[in-house]
C-alpha atoms as a PDB file:
ATOM      1  CA  UNK A   1     113.317  99.242 108.474  1.00  0.00           C
ATOM      2  CA  UNK A   2     109.902  98.372 106.954  1.00  0.00           C
ATOM      3  CA  UNK A   3     109.378  95.613 104.398  1.00  0.00           C
ATOM      4  CA  UNK A   4     109.582  97.974 101.414  1.00  0.00           C
ATOM      5  CA  UNK A   5     112.918  99.327 102.610  1.00  0.00           C
ATOM      6  CA  UNK A   6     114.189  95.754 103.076  1.00  0.00           C
ATOM      7  CA  UNK A   7     113.117  94.803  99.559  1.00  0.00           C
ATOM      8  CA  UNK A   8     114.772  97.852  98.004  1.00  0.00           C
ATOM      9  CA  UNK A   9     118.007  97.315  99.975  1.00  0.00           C
ATOM     10  CA  UNK A  10     118.137  93.715  98.767  1.00  0.00           C
ATOM     11  CA  UNK A  11     117.311  94.832  95.207  1.00  0.00           C
ATOM     12  CA  UNK A  12     120.365  97.098  95.077  1.00  0.00           C
ATOM     13  CA  UNK A  13     122.552  94.122  95.967  1.00  0.00           C
ATOM     14  CA  UNK A  14     120.819  91.931  93.360  1.00  0.00           C
ATOM     15  CA  UNK A  15     121.283  94.512  90.614  1.00  0.00           C
ATOM     16  CA  UNK A  16     124.970  94.972  91.411  1.00  0.00           C
ATOM     17  CA  UNK A  17     125.467  91.212  91.241  1.00  0.00           C
ATOM     18  CA  UNK A  18     123.546  90.986  87.953  1.00  0.00           C
ATOM     19  CA  UNK A  19     125.657  93.737  86.403  1.00  0.00           C
ATOM     20  CA  UNK A  20     128.813  91.786  87.219  1.00  0.00           C
ATOM     21  CA  UNK A  21     127.388  88.596  85.679  1.00  0.00           C
ATOM     22  CA  UNK A  22     125.805  90.008  82.519  1.00  0.00           C
ATOM     23  CA  UNK A  23     126.632  93.214  80.682  1.00  0.00           C
ATOM     24  CA  UNK A  24     124.051  95.422  78.987  1.00  0.00           C
ATOM     25  CA  UNK A  25     125.643  94.599  75.638  1.00  0.00           C
ATOM     26  CA  UNK A  26     124.906  90.908  76.221  1.00  0.00           C
ATOM     27  CA  UNK A  27     121.311  91.660  77.213  1.00  0.00           C
ATOM     28  CA  UNK A  28     120.899  93.639  73.989  1.00  0.00           C
ATOM     29  CA  UNK A  29     121.853  90.541  71.999  1.00  0.00           C
ATOM     30  CA  UNK A  30     119.046  88.409  73.455  1.00  0.00           C
ATOM     31  CA  UNK A  31     116.516  87.324  70.833  1.00  0.00           C
ATOM     32  CA  UNK A  32     113.551  88.873  72.654  1.00  0.00           C
ATOM     33  CA  UNK A  33     115.295  92.249  72.914  1.00  0.00           C
ATOM     34  CA  UNK A  34     114.359  92.966  69.295  1.00  0.00           C
ATOM     35  CA  UNK A  35     110.750  91.817  69.752  1.00  0.00           C
ATOM     36  CA  UNK A  36     108.079  94.403  68.902  1.00  0.00           C
ATOM     37  CA  UNK A  37     106.199  95.254  72.077  1.00  0.00           C
ATOM     38  CA  UNK A  38     102.415  95.173  72.509  1.00  0.00           C
ATOM     39  CA  UNK A  39     100.566  98.119  74.050  1.00  0.00           C
ATOM     40  CA  UNK A  40      98.701  97.367  77.257  1.00  0.00           C
ATOM     41  CA  UNK A  41      97.490 100.956  77.462  1.00  0.00           C
ATOM     42  CA  UNK A  42      95.859 100.724  74.046  1.00  0.00           C
ATOM     43  CA  UNK A  43      94.136  97.451  74.945  1.00  0.00           C
ATOM     44  CA  UNK A  44      92.703  99.003  78.103  1.00  0.00           C
ATOM     45  CA  UNK A  45      91.595 102.188  76.346  1.00  0.00           C
ATOM     46  CA  UNK A  46      89.739 100.157  73.737  1.00  0.00           C
ATOM     47  CA  UNK A  47      87.858  97.866  76.105  1.00  0.00           C
ATOM     48  CA  UNK A  48      84.197  98.582  76.844  1.00  0.00           C
ATOM     49  CA  UNK A  49      84.217  96.668  80.135  1.00  0.00           C
ATOM     50  CA  UNK A  50      86.616  96.285  83.073  1.00  0.00           C
ATOM     51  CA  UNK A  51      89.957  94.983  81.797  1.00  0.00           C
ATOM     52  CA  UNK A  52      91.675  92.420  83.992  1.00  0.00           C
ATOM     53  CA  UNK A  53      95.461  92.175  84.195  1.00  0.00           C
ATOM     54  CA  UNK A  54      96.008  88.759  85.743  1.00  0.00           C
ATOM     55  CA  UNK A  55      99.071  88.115  87.845  1.00  0.00           C
ATOM     56  CA  UNK A  56     101.237  85.053  88.382  1.00  0.00           C
ATOM     57  CA  UNK A  57     102.532  85.291  91.950  1.00  0.00           C
ATOM     58  CA  UNK A  58     103.844  82.398  94.039  1.00  0.00           C
ATOM     59  CA  UNK A  59     104.153  84.185  97.392  1.00  0.00           C
ATOM     60  CA  UNK A  60     104.284  87.593  99.055  1.00  0.00           C
ATOM     61  CA  UNK A  61     105.815  89.069 102.216  1.00  0.00           C
ATOM     62  CA  UNK A  62     102.385  89.617 103.773  1.00  0.00           C
ATOM     63  CA  UNK A  63     100.754  86.290 102.852  1.00  0.00           C
ATOM     64  CA  UNK A  64     103.699  83.903 102.653  1.00  0.00           C
ATOM     65  CA  UNK A  65     103.277  81.087 100.135  1.00  0.00           C
ATOM     66  CA  UNK A  66     100.136  81.636  98.060  1.00  0.00           C
ATOM     67  CA  UNK A  67     100.469  78.878  95.475  1.00  0.00           C
ATOM     68  CA  UNK A  68     103.650  76.985  94.607  1.00  0.00           C
ATOM     69  CA  UNK A  69     101.912  74.064  92.885  1.00  0.00           C
ATOM     70  CA  UNK A  70     101.262  75.633  89.476  1.00  0.00           C
ATOM     71  CA  UNK A  71     103.291  76.397  86.371  1.00  0.00           C
ATOM     72  CA  UNK A  72     103.487  79.896  84.868  1.00  0.00           C
ATOM     73  CA  UNK A  73     102.972  78.774  81.286  1.00  0.00           C
ATOM     74  CA  UNK A  74      99.767  76.917  82.179  1.00  0.00           C
ATOM     75  CA  UNK A  75      98.297  79.546  84.494  1.00  0.00           C
ATOM     76  CA  UNK A  76      99.027  82.485  82.192  1.00  0.00           C
ATOM     77  CA  UNK A  77      97.682  80.658  79.136  1.00  0.00           C
ATOM     78  CA  UNK A  78      94.510  79.914  81.086  1.00  0.00           C
ATOM     79  CA  UNK A  79      94.341  83.588  82.073  1.00  0.00           C
ATOM     80  CA  UNK A  80      94.584  84.621  78.429  1.00  0.00           C
ATOM     81  CA  UNK A  81      91.928  82.113  77.390  1.00  0.00           C
ATOM     82  CA  UNK A  82      89.643  83.472  80.131  1.00  0.00           C
ATOM     83  CA  UNK A  83      89.879  86.986  78.714  1.00  0.00           C
ATOM     84  CA  UNK A  84      92.756  88.685  80.542  1.00  0.00           C
ATOM     85  CA  UNK A  85      93.821  91.822  78.667  1.00  0.00           C
ATOM     86  CA  UNK A  86      97.294  91.678  80.137  1.00  0.00           C
ATOM     87  CA  UNK A  87      99.557  89.474  82.220  1.00  0.00           C
ATOM     88  CA  UNK A  88     101.743  90.379  85.176  1.00  0.00           C
ATOM     89  CA  UNK A  89     104.553  88.054  86.231  1.00  0.00           C
ATOM     90  CA  UNK A  90     106.691  88.539  89.340  1.00  0.00           C
ATOM     91  CA  UNK A  91     110.438  88.344  88.804  1.00  0.00           C
ATOM     92  CA  UNK A  92     111.527  89.116  92.389  1.00  0.00           C
ATOM     93  CA  UNK A  93     112.961  85.916  93.875  1.00  0.00           C
ATOM     94  CA  UNK A  94     113.602  86.570  97.568  1.00  0.00           C
ATOM     95  CA  UNK A  95     110.288  88.127  98.595  1.00  0.00           C
ATOM     96  CA  UNK A  96     107.828  86.921  95.942  1.00  0.00           C
ATOM     97  CA  UNK A  97     109.292  83.656  94.684  1.00  0.00           C
ATOM     98  CA  UNK A  98     109.455  84.917  91.108  1.00  0.00           C
ATOM     99  CA  UNK A  99     112.133  84.524  88.446  1.00  0.00           C
ATOM    100  CA  UNK A 100     113.091  85.310  84.881  1.00  0.00           C
ATOM    101  CA  UNK A 101     112.318  81.656  84.149  1.00  0.00           C
ATOM    102  CA  UNK A 102     108.694  82.226  85.182  1.00  0.00           C
ATOM    103  CA  UNK A 103     108.471  85.288  82.964  1.00  0.00           C
ATOM    104  CA  UNK A 104     110.070  83.591  79.974  1.00  0.00           C
ATOM    105  CA  UNK A 105     107.785  80.554  80.295  1.00  0.00           C
ATOM    106  CA  UNK A 106     104.748  82.837  80.336  1.00  0.00           C
ATOM    107  CA  UNK A 107     106.101  84.914  77.454  1.00  0.00           C
ATOM    108  CA  UNK A 108     106.652  81.831  75.312  1.00  0.00           C
ATOM    109  CA  UNK A 109     103.140  80.572  76.049  1.00  0.00           C
ATOM    110  CA  UNK A 110     101.504  83.949  75.300  1.00  0.00           C
ATOM    111  CA  UNK A 111     103.282  85.711  72.440  1.00  0.00           C
ATOM    112  CA  UNK A 112     100.319  87.945  71.577  1.00  0.00           C
ATOM    113  CA  UNK A 113      99.340  89.473  74.934  1.00  0.00           C
ATOM    114  CA  UNK A 114     101.023  92.412  76.719  1.00  0.00           C
ATOM    115  CA  UNK A 115     103.101  91.419  79.742  1.00  0.00           C
ATOM    116  CA  UNK A 116     104.244  93.442  82.729  1.00  0.00           C
ATOM    117  CA  UNK A 117     107.520  92.661  84.453  1.00  0.00           C
ATOM    118  CA  UNK A 118     106.442  92.996  88.088  1.00  0.00           C
ATOM    119  CA  UNK A 119     109.453  93.898  90.190  1.00  0.00           C
ATOM    120  CA  UNK A 120     111.025  96.702  92.180  1.00  0.00           C
ATOM    121  CA  UNK A 121     112.775  98.759  89.524  1.00  0.00           C
ATOM    122  CA  UNK A 122     115.508 100.931  90.970  1.00  0.00           C
ATOM    123  CA  UNK A 123     118.150 100.975  88.231  1.00  0.00           C
ATOM    124  CA  UNK A 124     118.353 101.567  84.471  1.00  0.00           C
ATOM    125  CA  UNK A 125     119.982  98.129  84.113  1.00  0.00           C
ATOM    126  CA  UNK A 126     116.692  96.441  85.056  1.00  0.00           C
ATOM    127  CA  UNK A 127     115.014  98.034  82.034  1.00  0.00           C
ATOM    128  CA  UNK A 128     117.463  96.270  79.736  1.00  0.00           C
ATOM    129  CA  UNK A 129     116.744  93.048  81.625  1.00  0.00           C
ATOM    130  CA  UNK A 130     113.017  93.570  81.128  1.00  0.00           C
ATOM    131  CA  UNK A 131     113.445  94.197  77.420  1.00  0.00           C
ATOM    132  CA  UNK A 132     115.654  91.115  77.064  1.00  0.00           C
ATOM    133  CA  UNK A 133     112.994  88.778  78.515  1.00  0.00           C
ATOM    134  CA  UNK A 134     110.183  90.167  76.372  1.00  0.00           C
ATOM    135  CA  UNK A 135     108.435  92.611  78.707  1.00  0.00           C
ATOM    136  CA  UNK A 136     105.998  95.093  77.185  1.00  0.00           C
ATOM    137  CA  UNK A 137     105.482  97.110  80.362  1.00  0.00           C
ATOM    138  CA  UNK A 138     107.607  97.931  83.391  1.00  0.00           C
ATOM    139  CA  UNK A 139     106.452  99.003  86.847  1.00  0.00           C
ATOM    140  CA  UNK A 140     107.786 102.069  88.646  1.00  0.00           C
ATOM    141  CA  UNK A 141     106.749 102.284  92.295  1.00  0.00           C
ATOM    142  CA  UNK A 142     106.668 105.886  93.495  1.00  0.00           C
ATOM    143  CA  UNK A 143     107.120 104.809  97.118  1.00  0.00           C
ATOM    144  CA  UNK A 144     110.663 103.599  96.463  1.00  0.00           C
ATOM    145  CA  UNK A 145     111.823 106.113  93.852  1.00  0.00           C
ATOM    146  CA  UNK A 146     112.424 109.850  93.785  1.00  0.00           C
ATOM    147  CA  UNK A 147     110.494 111.945  91.243  1.00  0.00           C
ATOM    148  CA  UNK A 148     113.761 112.433  89.340  1.00  0.00           C
ATOM    149  CA  UNK A 149     114.319 108.667  89.213  1.00  0.00           C
ATOM    150  CA  UNK A 150     110.767 108.106  87.962  1.00  0.00           C
ATOM    151  CA  UNK A 151     111.305 110.693  85.225  1.00  0.00           C
ATOM    152  CA  UNK A 152     114.642 109.189  84.170  1.00  0.00           C
ATOM    153  CA  UNK A 153     113.525 105.540  84.232  1.00  0.00           C
ATOM    154  CA  UNK A 154     110.214 106.219  82.492  1.00  0.00           C
ATOM    155  CA  UNK A 155     111.926 108.068  79.639  1.00  0.00           C
ATOM    156  CA  UNK A 156     114.488 105.294  79.288  1.00  0.00           C
ATOM    157  CA  UNK A 157     111.726 102.677  79.205  1.00  0.00           C
ATOM    158  CA  UNK A 158     110.047 104.599  76.383  1.00  0.00           C
ATOM    159  CA  UNK A 159     113.365 104.846  74.558  1.00  0.00           C
ATOM    160  CA  UNK A 160     113.534 101.039  74.721  1.00  0.00           C
ATOM    161  CA  UNK A 161     109.978 100.717  73.411  1.00  0.00           C
ATOM    162  CA  UNK A 162     108.274  99.664  76.647  1.00  0.00           C
ATOM    163  CA  UNK A 163     105.287 101.245  78.380  1.00  0.00           C
ATOM    164  CA  UNK A 164     105.337 102.472  81.957  1.00  0.00           C
ATOM    165  CA  UNK A 165     102.911 101.741  84.778  1.00  0.00           C
ATOM    166  CA  UNK A 166     103.446 104.181  87.643  1.00  0.00           C
ATOM    167  CA  UNK A 167     102.235 102.836  90.968  1.00  0.00           C
ATOM    168  CA  UNK A 168     101.123 105.318  93.624  1.00  0.00           C
ATOM    169  CA  UNK A 169      99.545 105.050  97.052  1.00  0.00           C
ATOM    170  CA  UNK A 170      98.537 108.639  97.780  1.00  0.00           C
ATOM    171  CA  UNK A 171      98.088 112.093  96.263  1.00  0.00           C
ATOM    172  CA  UNK A 172     101.576 113.226  97.231  1.00  0.00           C
ATOM    173  CA  UNK A 173     103.217 110.434  95.221  1.00  0.00           C
ATOM    174  CA  UNK A 174     100.896 111.067  92.292  1.00  0.00           C
ATOM    175  CA  UNK A 175     101.549 114.799  92.159  1.00  0.00           C
ATOM    176  CA  UNK A 176     105.308 114.409  92.532  1.00  0.00           C
ATOM    177  CA  UNK A 177     105.826 111.617  90.007  1.00  0.00           C
ATOM    178  CA  UNK A 178     103.277 111.958  87.210  1.00  0.00           C
ATOM    179  CA  UNK A 179     104.988 112.885  83.963  1.00  0.00           C
ATOM    180  CA  UNK A 180     105.030 112.782  80.176  1.00  0.00           C
ATOM    181  CA  UNK A 181     106.588 109.327  79.930  1.00  0.00           C
ATOM    182  CA  UNK A 182     103.965 107.615  82.095  1.00  0.00           C
ATOM    183  CA  UNK A 183     101.349 105.581  80.207  1.00  0.00           C
ATOM    184  CA  UNK A 184      99.268 104.143  83.036  1.00  0.00           C
ATOM    185  CA  UNK A 185      98.756 105.072  86.678  1.00  0.00           C
ATOM    186  CA  UNK A 186      98.123 102.225  89.064  1.00  0.00           C
ATOM    187  CA  UNK A 187      96.673 102.955  92.479  1.00  0.00           C
ATOM    188  CA  UNK A 188      97.761 100.299  94.930  1.00  0.00           C
ATOM    189  CA  UNK A 189      95.064  99.815  97.538  1.00  0.00           C
ATOM    190  CA  UNK A 190      97.616  98.036  99.712  1.00  0.00           C
ATOM    191  CA  UNK A 191      99.896 100.204 101.796  1.00  0.00           C
ATOM    192  CA  UNK A 192     103.362  98.742 101.129  1.00  0.00           C
ATOM    193  CA  UNK A 193     104.558  99.856 104.540  1.00  0.00           C
ATOM    194  CA  UNK A 194     101.710  98.419 106.637  1.00  0.00           C
ATOM    195  CA  UNK A 195     100.159  96.006 104.078  1.00  0.00           C
ATOM    196  CA  UNK A 196      96.664  97.160 105.035  1.00  0.00           C
ATOM    197  CA  UNK A 197      94.250  97.226 102.065  1.00  0.00           C
ATOM    198  CA  UNK A 198      91.344  99.554 101.247  1.00  0.00           C
ATOM    199  CA  UNK A 199      89.696 100.286  97.884  1.00  0.00           C
ATOM    200  CA  UNK A 200      88.881 103.746  99.231  1.00  0.00           C
ATOM    201  CA  UNK A 201      92.425 104.600  98.189  1.00  0.00           C
ATOM    202  CA  UNK A 202      91.480 104.120  94.522  1.00  0.00           C
ATOM    203  CA  UNK A 203      88.222 106.010  94.942  1.00  0.00           C
ATOM    204  CA  UNK A 204      89.933 108.952  96.632  1.00  0.00           C
ATOM    205  CA  UNK A 205      92.553 109.271  93.894  1.00  0.00           C
ATOM    206  CA  UNK A 206      90.289 108.647  90.909  1.00  0.00           C
ATOM    207  CA  UNK A 207      89.566 112.316  90.242  1.00  0.00           C
ATOM    208  CA  UNK A 208      93.176 113.341  90.898  1.00  0.00           C
ATOM    209  CA  UNK A 209      94.545 111.289  88.000  1.00  0.00           C
ATOM    210  CA  UNK A 210      94.284 113.189  84.688  1.00  0.00           C
ATOM    211  CA  UNK A 211      92.133 111.403  82.117  1.00  0.00           C
ATOM    212  CA  UNK A 212      95.064 111.345  79.704  1.00  0.00           C
ATOM    213  CA  UNK A 213      96.464 108.445  81.738  1.00  0.00           C
ATOM    214  CA  UNK A 214      94.937 104.974  81.810  1.00  0.00           C
ATOM    215  CA  UNK A 215      93.790 104.284  85.369  1.00  0.00           C
ATOM    216  CA  UNK A 216      94.441 100.905  86.975  1.00  0.00           C
ATOM    217  CA  UNK A 217      93.403  99.716  90.422  1.00  0.00           C
ATOM    218  CA  UNK A 218      95.605  97.214  92.229  1.00  0.00           C
ATOM    219  CA  UNK A 219      95.202  94.926  95.275  1.00  0.00           C
ATOM    220  CA  UNK A 220      92.169  93.957  97.320  1.00  0.00           C
ATOM    221  CA  UNK A 221      90.020  93.277  94.246  1.00  0.00           C
ATOM    222  CA  UNK A 222      87.950  90.182  94.992  1.00  0.00           C
ATOM    223  CA  UNK A 223      84.453  90.559  93.546  1.00  0.00           C
ATOM    224  CA  UNK A 224      82.471  91.964  90.634  1.00  0.00           C
ATOM    225  CA  UNK A 225      80.717  94.653  92.697  1.00  0.00           C
ATOM    226  CA  UNK A 226      84.030  96.170  93.804  1.00  0.00           C
ATOM    227  CA  UNK A 227      85.448  96.129  90.283  1.00  0.00           C
ATOM    228  CA  UNK A 228      82.323  97.663  88.730  1.00  0.00           C
ATOM    229  CA  UNK A 229      82.251 100.344  91.418  1.00  0.00           C
ATOM    230  CA  UNK A 230      85.830 101.315  90.570  1.00  0.00           C
ATOM    231  CA  UNK A 231      85.122 101.043  86.833  1.00  0.00           C
ATOM    232  CA  UNK A 232      82.464 103.715  87.248  1.00  0.00           C
ATOM    233  CA  UNK A 233      85.089 105.849  88.982  1.00  0.00           C
ATOM    234  CA  UNK A 234      87.157 105.792  85.791  1.00  0.00           C
ATOM    235  CA  UNK A 235      89.377 102.756  86.261  1.00  0.00           C
ATOM    236  CA  UNK A 236      89.872 100.767  83.048  1.00  0.00           C
ATOM    237  CA  UNK A 237      92.290  98.133  84.342  1.00  0.00           C
ATOM    238  CA  UNK A 238      92.325  95.873  87.384  1.00  0.00           C
ATOM    239  CA  UNK A 239      95.529  94.132  88.426  1.00  0.00           C
ATOM    240  CA  UNK A 240      94.563  90.954  90.257  1.00  0.00           C
ATOM    241  CA  UNK A 241      96.848  88.212  91.513  1.00  0.00           C
ATOM    242  CA  UNK A 242      96.225  86.775  94.956  1.00  0.00           C
ATOM    243  CA  UNK A 243      92.458  86.394  94.418  1.00  0.00           C
ATOM    244  CA  UNK A 244      93.186  83.996  91.546  1.00  0.00           C
ATOM    245  CA  UNK A 245      96.455  82.454  92.692  1.00  0.00           C
ATOM    246  CA  UNK A 246      95.130  81.249  96.038  1.00  0.00           C
ATOM    247  CA  UNK A 247      92.787  78.869  94.176  1.00  0.00           C
ATOM    248  CA  UNK A 248      93.714  75.484  92.720  1.00  0.00           C
ATOM    249  CA  UNK A 249      92.831  76.723  89.222  1.00  0.00           C
ATOM    250  CA  UNK A 250      93.593  80.443  88.779  1.00  0.00           C
ATOM    251  CA  UNK A 251      92.366  80.519  85.173  1.00  0.00           C
ATOM    252  CA  UNK A 252      88.945  79.201  86.152  1.00  0.00           C
ATOM    253  CA  UNK A 253      88.822  81.752  88.988  1.00  0.00           C
ATOM    254  CA  UNK A 254      89.303  84.528  86.424  1.00  0.00           C
ATOM    255  CA  UNK A 255      86.659  83.032  84.109  1.00  0.00           C
ATOM    256  CA  UNK A 256      84.188  82.925  87.020  1.00  0.00           C
ATOM    257  CA  UNK A 257      84.929  86.549  87.915  1.00  0.00           C
ATOM    258  CA  UNK A 258      84.460  87.614  84.285  1.00  0.00           C
ATOM    259  CA  UNK A 259      81.020  85.942  84.283  1.00  0.00           C
ATOM    260  CA  UNK A 260      80.096  87.705  87.520  1.00  0.00           C
ATOM    261  CA  UNK A 261      81.159  91.068  86.093  1.00  0.00           C
ATOM    262  CA  UNK A 262      79.011  90.504  82.993  1.00  0.00           C
ATOM    263  CA  UNK A 263      76.001  89.397  85.042  1.00  0.00           C
ATOM    264  CA  UNK A 264      76.275  92.304  87.462  1.00  0.00           C
ATOM    265  CA  UNK A 265      76.697  94.739  84.564  1.00  0.00           C
ATOM    266  CA  UNK A 266      73.535  93.383  82.964  1.00  0.00           C
ATOM    267  CA  UNK A 267      71.624  93.649  86.250  1.00  0.00           C
ATOM    268  CA  UNK A 268      72.781  97.226  86.737  1.00  0.00           C
ATOM    269  CA  UNK A 269      71.650  98.062  83.205  1.00  0.00           C
ATOM    270  CA  UNK A 270      68.207  96.630  83.929  1.00  0.00           C
ATOM    271  CA  UNK A 271      67.930  98.659  87.123  1.00  0.00           C
ATOM    272  CA  UNK A 272      68.937 101.818  85.297  1.00  0.00           C
END
C-alpha cells in the first residue's frame, strides 16, 4: 500500500466518524454555510502576471514537519498582504497536521480572499464540511477518485456554490476526469505515489488542458524562472506551500518571490 492509498483508507474512517458526530443538517446551520463564495478562477483569469496561491502546511508525509512554529491567521494574512491571489489551507490532521481550526482562523483573518480547502475529498459529506467552514474552492484529486466520483462531487460542489480544482498527474487522469463542473485544472508536479517532483509534468500537460479551464501548476515551484517558464506555457496559477512554509517568515518569502518575478519579467521584456 503506497502513501496515497494509506491516506485515502484513513480518510474513509475519518469521514465515517465525522458523520456520526455531526449531521449534514447541523453543518448547514453553521454561520459560514450561508457565506457568499469568492471566485478564485475569476481572480486568476483577470491577472496579468503569475498568480500565487499560497499554502499553509505544517507537515507532509514526504518531508515530515515543515513548520510548526507559526499561526495560520498570521501567515495567511501576511500572504494576502504580499499579493497572494488565493489561500490554500490543509485540513488533513494525520498526514499533514492540518485542522478545521487552522482553516477557520485563516478564514476569519482573510474574509475577502478565495480559500481552498486542501484535503483528500472522497465523500459528498466533506463538501458540506467545506462549505460550513467558509471554503470557496474544493480539491478533487483524480488519482484517488474514479471519473464518476469526480463528476458527482464536482457537480455537488457547484450546487453548493463552491468552485472545483481538479488535480491531475498525467494525461490519462486528465482525459478521464475533465468535465463541465471543473473550474480549474491543477497539474501536480509531485507524483503522489513516489513523491518525486518534476516541472516537466506541467509542461507536458499544458497543451492537453483545454483553454476553457484555468491552469494551475502545483509542487516543486521554488524560483521566478520556473514560474515564468510555466506562465508562458499557459499556467495562470501557482500553488506554493513548502517553499514558503520552510522559512521562518512565509509571508516575507512570498513577497521576495513576487519581487523576483517582477524583476525577471522586466528583464525578459528588455531582452525581447
